[in-house]
């Protein structure tokens, strides 16, 4: 699994090197083994092999730079930055402090029913401590790797939750599968880059 995800990641990097190399400038170096161990200690469990390999290869990105005429909006197609290991820990702490308390609130129970109907693979919670936030944007669209799915889901599945408009979508059964879909989609023209308000953004043509 670790070898596969790195193969797909290299395919993605190759596409951007040929077509949109500016995106590569925002990528951070990989995490250290010590940082991975710190993350696992905070979670109280081991990371999936593919997520571990991915973080060792790239630990987040910083697209809020002005070294180029156009800024980028994240190399993966969810319109947000990848998080570094330290940002993952900070984001997780934020969700633990602000979101997990809503799980049992009366107001959230109405939303829980909606989430369960539209995304049955993910537990109908506002936040679970075993959801690892791997990327997101300022509008609170957060992408999680889920280590505690329902019996209809898969450990390590990837989903996106938009806290601002209360929507949730399963993206893939694993991070490896998510990058596989993306790498293949770039090659087929499903994913493409366009300028939007002085930013380069990855878009998804669902018709392909």
C-alpha atoms as a PDB file:
ATOM      1  CA  UNK A   1       0.000   0.000   0.000  1.00  0.00           C
ATOM      2  CA  UNK A   2       2.830   2.409   0.865  1.00  0.00           C
ATOM      3  CA  UNK A   3       4.562   1.749  -2.468  1.00  0.00           C
ATOM      4  CA  UNK A   4       1.313   2.267  -4.367  1.00  0.00           C
ATOM      5  CA  UNK A   5       0.500   5.641  -2.854  1.00  0.00           C
ATOM      6  CA  UNK A   6       3.997   6.918  -3.588  1.00  0.00           C
ATOM      7  CA  UNK A   7       3.673   5.740  -7.185  1.00  0.00           C
ATOM      8  CA  UNK A   8       0.433   7.686  -7.626  1.00  0.00           C
ATOM      9  CA  UNK A   9       1.917  10.713  -5.850  1.00  0.00           C
ATOM     10  CA  UNK A  10       4.857  10.686  -8.259  1.00  0.00           C
ATOM     11  CA  UNK A  11       2.440  10.541 -11.209  1.00  0.00           C
ATOM     12  CA  UNK A  12       0.648  13.606  -9.819  1.00  0.00           C
ATOM     13  CA  UNK A  13       3.920  15.472  -9.314  1.00  0.00           C
ATOM     14  CA  UNK A  14       5.029  14.594 -12.851  1.00  0.00           C
ATOM     15  CA  UNK A  15       1.799  15.993 -14.311  1.00  0.00           C
ATOM     16  CA  UNK A  16       2.227  19.266 -12.417  1.00  0.00           C
ATOM     17  CA  UNK A  17       5.922  19.498 -13.324  1.00  0.00           C
ATOM     18  CA  UNK A  18       4.965  19.371 -17.009  1.00  0.00           C
ATOM     19  CA  UNK A  19       1.739  21.391 -16.898  1.00  0.00           C
ATOM     20  CA  UNK A  20       1.681  23.633 -13.793  1.00  0.00           C
ATOM     21  CA  UNK A  21       5.069  23.577 -12.038  1.00  0.00           C
ATOM     22  CA  UNK A  22       4.188  26.562  -9.822  1.00  0.00           C
ATOM     23  CA  UNK A  23       2.128  24.197  -7.634  1.00  0.00           C
ATOM     24  CA  UNK A  24       5.263  22.270  -6.698  1.00  0.00           C
ATOM     25  CA  UNK A  25       6.871  25.345  -5.124  1.00  0.00           C
ATOM     26  CA  UNK A  26       4.290  25.333  -2.332  1.00  0.00           C
ATOM     27  CA  UNK A  27       4.933  21.752  -1.181  1.00  0.00           C
ATOM     28  CA  UNK A  28       6.757  21.176   2.097  1.00  0.00           C
ATOM     29  CA  UNK A  29       9.394  18.533   2.649  1.00  0.00           C
ATOM     30  CA  UNK A  30       8.293  15.273   4.222  1.00  0.00           C
ATOM     31  CA  UNK A  31       7.724  14.829   7.939  1.00  0.00           C
ATOM     32  CA  UNK A  32      10.334  13.260  10.211  1.00  0.00           C
ATOM     33  CA  UNK A  33       9.871   9.883  11.846  1.00  0.00           C
ATOM     34  CA  UNK A  34       9.704  11.686  15.194  1.00  0.00           C
ATOM     35  CA  UNK A  35       6.807  13.851  13.987  1.00  0.00           C
ATOM     36  CA  UNK A  36       4.929  10.749  12.806  1.00  0.00           C
ATOM     37  CA  UNK A  37       5.454   9.095  16.180  1.00  0.00           C
ATOM     38  CA  UNK A  38       4.176  12.233  17.924  1.00  0.00           C
ATOM     39  CA  UNK A  39       1.034  12.185  15.789  1.00  0.00           C
ATOM     40  CA  UNK A  40       0.437   8.510  16.538  1.00  0.00           C
ATOM     41  CA  UNK A  41       0.950   9.145  20.250  1.00  0.00           C
ATOM     42  CA  UNK A  42      -1.696  11.890  20.163  1.00  0.00           C
ATOM     43  CA  UNK A  43      -4.102   9.606  18.289  1.00  0.00           C
ATOM     44  CA  UNK A  44      -3.366   6.622  20.503  1.00  0.00           C
ATOM     45  CA  UNK A  45      -3.136   4.392  17.446  1.00  0.00           C
ATOM     46  CA  UNK A  46      -0.973   3.709  14.402  1.00  0.00           C
ATOM     47  CA  UNK A  47      -1.487   5.553  11.137  1.00  0.00           C
ATOM     48  CA  UNK A  48      -2.572   3.624   8.051  1.00  0.00           C
ATOM     49  CA  UNK A  49       0.529   2.657   6.073  1.00  0.00           C
ATOM     50  CA  UNK A  50      -0.436   4.802   3.105  1.00  0.00           C
ATOM     51  CA  UNK A  51      -0.999   7.944   5.200  1.00  0.00           C
ATOM     52  CA  UNK A  52       2.297   7.380   7.005  1.00  0.00           C
ATOM     53  CA  UNK A  53       4.142   7.039   3.671  1.00  0.00           C
ATOM     54  CA  UNK A  54       2.412  10.103   2.263  1.00  0.00           C
ATOM     55  CA  UNK A  55       3.309  12.318   5.249  1.00  0.00           C
ATOM     56  CA  UNK A  56       6.907  11.126   5.086  1.00  0.00           C
ATOM     57  CA  UNK A  57       6.926  12.258   1.452  1.00  0.00           C
ATOM     58  CA  UNK A  58       5.150  15.611   1.890  1.00  0.00           C
ATOM     59  CA  UNK A  59       4.136  17.377   5.094  1.00  0.00           C
ATOM     60  CA  UNK A  60       1.648  19.972   3.942  1.00  0.00           C
ATOM     61  CA  UNK A  61       1.886  22.942   1.621  1.00  0.00           C
ATOM     62  CA  UNK A  62       1.872  26.723   1.818  1.00  0.00           C
ATOM     63  CA  UNK A  63      -0.004  28.392  -1.014  1.00  0.00           C
ATOM     64  CA  UNK A  64      -0.314  31.834   0.595  1.00  0.00           C
ATOM     65  CA  UNK A  65       2.829  33.173  -1.053  1.00  0.00           C
ATOM     66  CA  UNK A  66       3.336  35.946  -3.553  1.00  0.00           C
ATOM     67  CA  UNK A  67       6.567  34.869  -5.180  1.00  0.00           C
ATOM     68  CA  UNK A  68       4.601  34.263  -8.375  1.00  0.00           C
ATOM     69  CA  UNK A  69       2.138  36.393 -10.297  1.00  0.00           C
ATOM     70  CA  UNK A  70      -0.553  33.830  -9.511  1.00  0.00           C
ATOM     71  CA  UNK A  71      -1.007  32.003  -6.221  1.00  0.00           C
ATOM     72  CA  UNK A  72      -2.094  28.386  -6.118  1.00  0.00           C
ATOM     73  CA  UNK A  73      -5.069  26.893  -4.310  1.00  0.00           C
ATOM     74  CA  UNK A  74      -3.806  23.479  -3.212  1.00  0.00           C
ATOM     75  CA  UNK A  75      -2.395  20.684  -5.348  1.00  0.00           C
ATOM     76  CA  UNK A  76      -5.183  18.222  -4.498  1.00  0.00           C
ATOM     77  CA  UNK A  77      -8.684  18.824  -5.890  1.00  0.00           C
ATOM     78  CA  UNK A  78     -10.497  19.972  -2.746  1.00  0.00           C
ATOM     79  CA  UNK A  79      -9.598  23.692  -3.029  1.00  0.00           C
ATOM     80  CA  UNK A  80      -7.547  23.713   0.156  1.00  0.00           C
ATOM     81  CA  UNK A  81      -4.024  23.161   1.409  1.00  0.00           C
ATOM     82  CA  UNK A  82      -2.570  19.906   2.614  1.00  0.00           C
ATOM     83  CA  UNK A  83      -1.798  20.107   6.332  1.00  0.00           C
ATOM     84  CA  UNK A  84       1.645  19.519   7.797  1.00  0.00           C
ATOM     85  CA  UNK A  85       1.902  17.154  10.764  1.00  0.00           C
ATOM     86  CA  UNK A  86       1.972  20.119  13.162  1.00  0.00           C
ATOM     87  CA  UNK A  87      -1.108  21.574  11.453  1.00  0.00           C
ATOM     88  CA  UNK A  88      -2.861  18.210  11.689  1.00  0.00           C
ATOM     89  CA  UNK A  89      -2.249  18.241  15.434  1.00  0.00           C
ATOM     90  CA  UNK A  90      -3.444  21.854  15.733  1.00  0.00           C
ATOM     91  CA  UNK A  91      -6.551  21.192  13.656  1.00  0.00           C
ATOM     92  CA  UNK A  92      -7.348  18.067  15.642  1.00  0.00           C
ATOM     93  CA  UNK A  93      -7.039  20.007  18.896  1.00  0.00           C
ATOM     94  CA  UNK A  94      -9.356  22.680  17.533  1.00  0.00           C
ATOM     95  CA  UNK A  95     -11.985  20.085  16.629  1.00  0.00           C
ATOM     96  CA  UNK A  96     -11.649  18.412  20.025  1.00  0.00           C
ATOM     97  CA  UNK A  97     -12.212  21.744  21.768  1.00  0.00           C
ATOM     98  CA  UNK A  98     -14.965  23.167  19.553  1.00  0.00           C
ATOM     99  CA  UNK A  99     -16.770  20.378  17.717  1.00  0.00           C
ATOM    100  CA  UNK A 100     -16.830  17.149  19.677  1.00  0.00           C
ATOM    101  CA  UNK A 101     -19.035  18.681  22.403  1.00  0.00           C
ATOM    102  CA  UNK A 102     -21.808  19.133  19.825  1.00  0.00           C
ATOM    103  CA  UNK A 103     -22.120  15.395  19.201  1.00  0.00           C
ATOM    104  CA  UNK A 104     -24.818  14.991  21.840  1.00  0.00           C
ATOM    105  CA  UNK A 105     -26.566  18.336  21.427  1.00  0.00           C
ATOM    106  CA  UNK A 106     -30.233  18.389  20.425  1.00  0.00           C
ATOM    107  CA  UNK A 107     -29.559  20.732  17.524  1.00  0.00           C
ATOM    108  CA  UNK A 108     -26.922  18.425  16.072  1.00  0.00           C
ATOM    109  CA  UNK A 109     -29.139  15.351  16.250  1.00  0.00           C
ATOM    110  CA  UNK A 110     -31.185  16.742  13.352  1.00  0.00           C
ATOM    111  CA  UNK A 111     -28.049  17.114  11.257  1.00  0.00           C
ATOM    112  CA  UNK A 112     -26.830  13.668  12.315  1.00  0.00           C
ATOM    113  CA  UNK A 113     -29.864  12.131  10.604  1.00  0.00           C
ATOM    114  CA  UNK A 114     -29.013  13.992   7.391  1.00  0.00           C
ATOM    115  CA  UNK A 115     -25.361  12.965   7.538  1.00  0.00           C
ATOM    116  CA  UNK A 116     -26.282   9.339   8.129  1.00  0.00           C
ATOM    117  CA  UNK A 117     -28.611   9.337   5.120  1.00  0.00           C
ATOM    118  CA  UNK A 118     -26.161  10.991   2.720  1.00  0.00           C
ATOM    119  CA  UNK A 119     -22.879   9.472   3.960  1.00  0.00           C
ATOM    120  CA  UNK A 120     -23.630   6.192   5.776  1.00  0.00           C
ATOM    121  CA  UNK A 121     -19.973   5.098   5.727  1.00  0.00           C
ATOM    122  CA  UNK A 122     -19.057   7.869   8.196  1.00  0.00           C
ATOM    123  CA  UNK A 123     -20.359   7.965  11.758  1.00  0.00           C
ATOM    124  CA  UNK A 124     -23.050  10.659  12.158  1.00  0.00           C
ATOM    125  CA  UNK A 125     -20.990  12.795  14.515  1.00  0.00           C
ATOM    126  CA  UNK A 126     -19.846  16.374  14.364  1.00  0.00           C
ATOM    127  CA  UNK A 127     -16.323  15.163  15.093  1.00  0.00           C
ATOM    128  CA  UNK A 128     -14.620  11.920  16.095  1.00  0.00           C
ATOM    129  CA  UNK A 129     -11.117  11.904  17.677  1.00  0.00           C
ATOM    130  CA  UNK A 130     -10.062   9.281  15.105  1.00  0.00           C
ATOM    131  CA  UNK A 131     -10.822  11.528  12.145  1.00  0.00           C
ATOM    132  CA  UNK A 132      -7.422  12.818  11.005  1.00  0.00           C
ATOM    133  CA  UNK A 133      -7.665  16.219   9.265  1.00  0.00           C
ATOM    134  CA  UNK A 134      -5.219  16.102   6.336  1.00  0.00           C
ATOM    135  CA  UNK A 135      -6.220  19.274   4.465  1.00  0.00           C
ATOM    136  CA  UNK A 136      -8.693  22.105   4.307  1.00  0.00           C
ATOM    137  CA  UNK A 137      -9.498  25.688   3.412  1.00  0.00           C
ATOM    138  CA  UNK A 138     -10.496  28.860   5.313  1.00  0.00           C
ATOM    139  CA  UNK A 139     -14.182  28.070   4.700  1.00  0.00           C
ATOM    140  CA  UNK A 140     -13.887  25.010   6.964  1.00  0.00           C
ATOM    141  CA  UNK A 141     -13.993  22.463   4.176  1.00  0.00           C
ATOM    142  CA  UNK A 142     -11.909  19.788   5.879  1.00  0.00           C
ATOM    143  CA  UNK A 143     -10.704  16.493   4.385  1.00  0.00           C
ATOM    144  CA  UNK A 144     -10.321  13.661   6.899  1.00  0.00           C
ATOM    145  CA  UNK A 145      -8.807  10.201   6.938  1.00  0.00           C
ATOM    146  CA  UNK A 146     -11.290   8.200   9.001  1.00  0.00           C
ATOM    147  CA  UNK A 147      -9.944   5.558  11.391  1.00  0.00           C
ATOM    148  CA  UNK A 148     -13.328   4.877  13.000  1.00  0.00           C
ATOM    149  CA  UNK A 149     -15.921   4.315  10.239  1.00  0.00           C
ATOM    150  CA  UNK A 150     -19.355   2.719  10.441  1.00  0.00           C
ATOM    151  CA  UNK A 151     -19.751  -0.955   9.515  1.00  0.00           C
ATOM    152  CA  UNK A 152     -20.559   0.247   5.983  1.00  0.00           C
ATOM    153  CA  UNK A 153     -17.240   2.062   5.689  1.00  0.00           C
ATOM    154  CA  UNK A 154     -13.547   1.183   5.598  1.00  0.00           C
ATOM    155  CA  UNK A 155     -10.802   2.084   8.060  1.00  0.00           C
ATOM    156  CA  UNK A 156      -8.638   4.703   6.358  1.00  0.00           C
ATOM    157  CA  UNK A 157     -11.413   6.023   4.110  1.00  0.00           C
ATOM    158  CA  UNK A 158     -11.269   9.661   3.002  1.00  0.00           C
ATOM    159  CA  UNK A 159     -14.175  12.067   3.327  1.00  0.00           C
ATOM    160  CA  UNK A 160     -14.776  15.799   3.109  1.00  0.00           C
ATOM    161  CA  UNK A 161     -16.839  17.710   5.627  1.00  0.00           C
ATOM    162  CA  UNK A 162     -17.897  21.293   5.076  1.00  0.00           C
ATOM    163  CA  UNK A 163     -18.710  22.677   8.520  1.00  0.00           C
ATOM    164  CA  UNK A 164     -19.861  26.001   7.088  1.00  0.00           C
ATOM    165  CA  UNK A 165     -22.765  24.544   5.084  1.00  0.00           C
ATOM    166  CA  UNK A 166     -23.068  21.193   6.900  1.00  0.00           C
ATOM    167  CA  UNK A 167     -22.331  18.857   4.001  1.00  0.00           C
ATOM    168  CA  UNK A 168     -20.337  15.635   3.965  1.00  0.00           C
ATOM    169  CA  UNK A 169     -19.083  13.452   1.109  1.00  0.00           C
ATOM    170  CA  UNK A 170     -17.114  10.207   0.971  1.00  0.00           C
ATOM    171  CA  UNK A 171     -14.231  10.720  -1.466  1.00  0.00           C
ATOM    172  CA  UNK A 172     -12.509   7.323  -1.518  1.00  0.00           C
ATOM    173  CA  UNK A 173     -12.106   4.073   0.405  1.00  0.00           C
ATOM    174  CA  UNK A 174      -8.480   4.965   1.228  1.00  0.00           C
ATOM    175  CA  UNK A 175      -5.924   7.716   0.681  1.00  0.00           C
ATOM    176  CA  UNK A 176      -4.226   5.465  -1.867  1.00  0.00           C
ATOM    177  CA  UNK A 177      -7.466   5.132  -3.811  1.00  0.00           C
ATOM    178  CA  UNK A 178      -8.030   8.880  -3.610  1.00  0.00           C
ATOM    179  CA  UNK A 179      -4.615   9.618  -5.142  1.00  0.00           C
ATOM    180  CA  UNK A 180      -5.145   6.865  -7.725  1.00  0.00           C
ATOM    181  CA  UNK A 181      -8.404   8.493  -8.854  1.00  0.00           C
ATOM    182  CA  UNK A 182      -6.672  11.842  -9.029  1.00  0.00           C
ATOM    183  CA  UNK A 183      -3.578  10.651 -10.896  1.00  0.00           C
ATOM    184  CA  UNK A 184      -5.700   8.820 -13.463  1.00  0.00           C
ATOM    185  CA  UNK A 185      -8.093  11.760 -13.733  1.00  0.00           C
ATOM    186  CA  UNK A 186      -5.267  14.193 -14.470  1.00  0.00           C
ATOM    187  CA  UNK A 187      -4.110  11.936 -17.286  1.00  0.00           C
ATOM    188  CA  UNK A 188      -7.601  11.758 -18.783  1.00  0.00           C
ATOM    189  CA  UNK A 189      -8.312  15.485 -18.497  1.00  0.00           C
ATOM    190  CA  UNK A 190     -10.952  15.092 -15.797  1.00  0.00           C
ATOM    191  CA  UNK A 191      -8.958  17.400 -13.517  1.00  0.00           C
ATOM    192  CA  UNK A 192      -7.577  20.635 -14.902  1.00  0.00           C
ATOM    193  CA  UNK A 193      -6.203  23.965 -13.692  1.00  0.00           C
ATOM    194  CA  UNK A 194      -7.715  27.373 -14.410  1.00  0.00           C
ATOM    195  CA  UNK A 195      -7.167  30.888 -13.129  1.00  0.00           C
ATOM    196  CA  UNK A 196      -9.865  32.170 -10.804  1.00  0.00           C
ATOM    197  CA  UNK A 197      -9.548  35.617  -9.181  1.00  0.00           C
ATOM    198  CA  UNK A 198      -5.752  35.642  -9.547  1.00  0.00           C
ATOM    199  CA  UNK A 199      -5.407  32.113  -8.218  1.00  0.00           C
ATOM    200  CA  UNK A 200      -4.668  28.843  -9.992  1.00  0.00           C
ATOM    201  CA  UNK A 201      -7.308  26.332  -8.975  1.00  0.00           C
ATOM    202  CA  UNK A 202      -7.715  22.603  -9.686  1.00  0.00           C
ATOM    203  CA  UNK A 203     -11.186  21.842 -11.028  1.00  0.00           C
ATOM    204  CA  UNK A 204     -13.029  18.562 -11.510  1.00  0.00           C
ATOM    205  CA  UNK A 205     -14.973  17.906 -14.716  1.00  0.00           C
ATOM    206  CA  UNK A 206     -17.417  15.283 -13.438  1.00  0.00           C
ATOM    207  CA  UNK A 207     -18.613  14.563 -16.975  1.00  0.00           C
ATOM    208  CA  UNK A 208     -15.353  12.740 -17.813  1.00  0.00           C
END
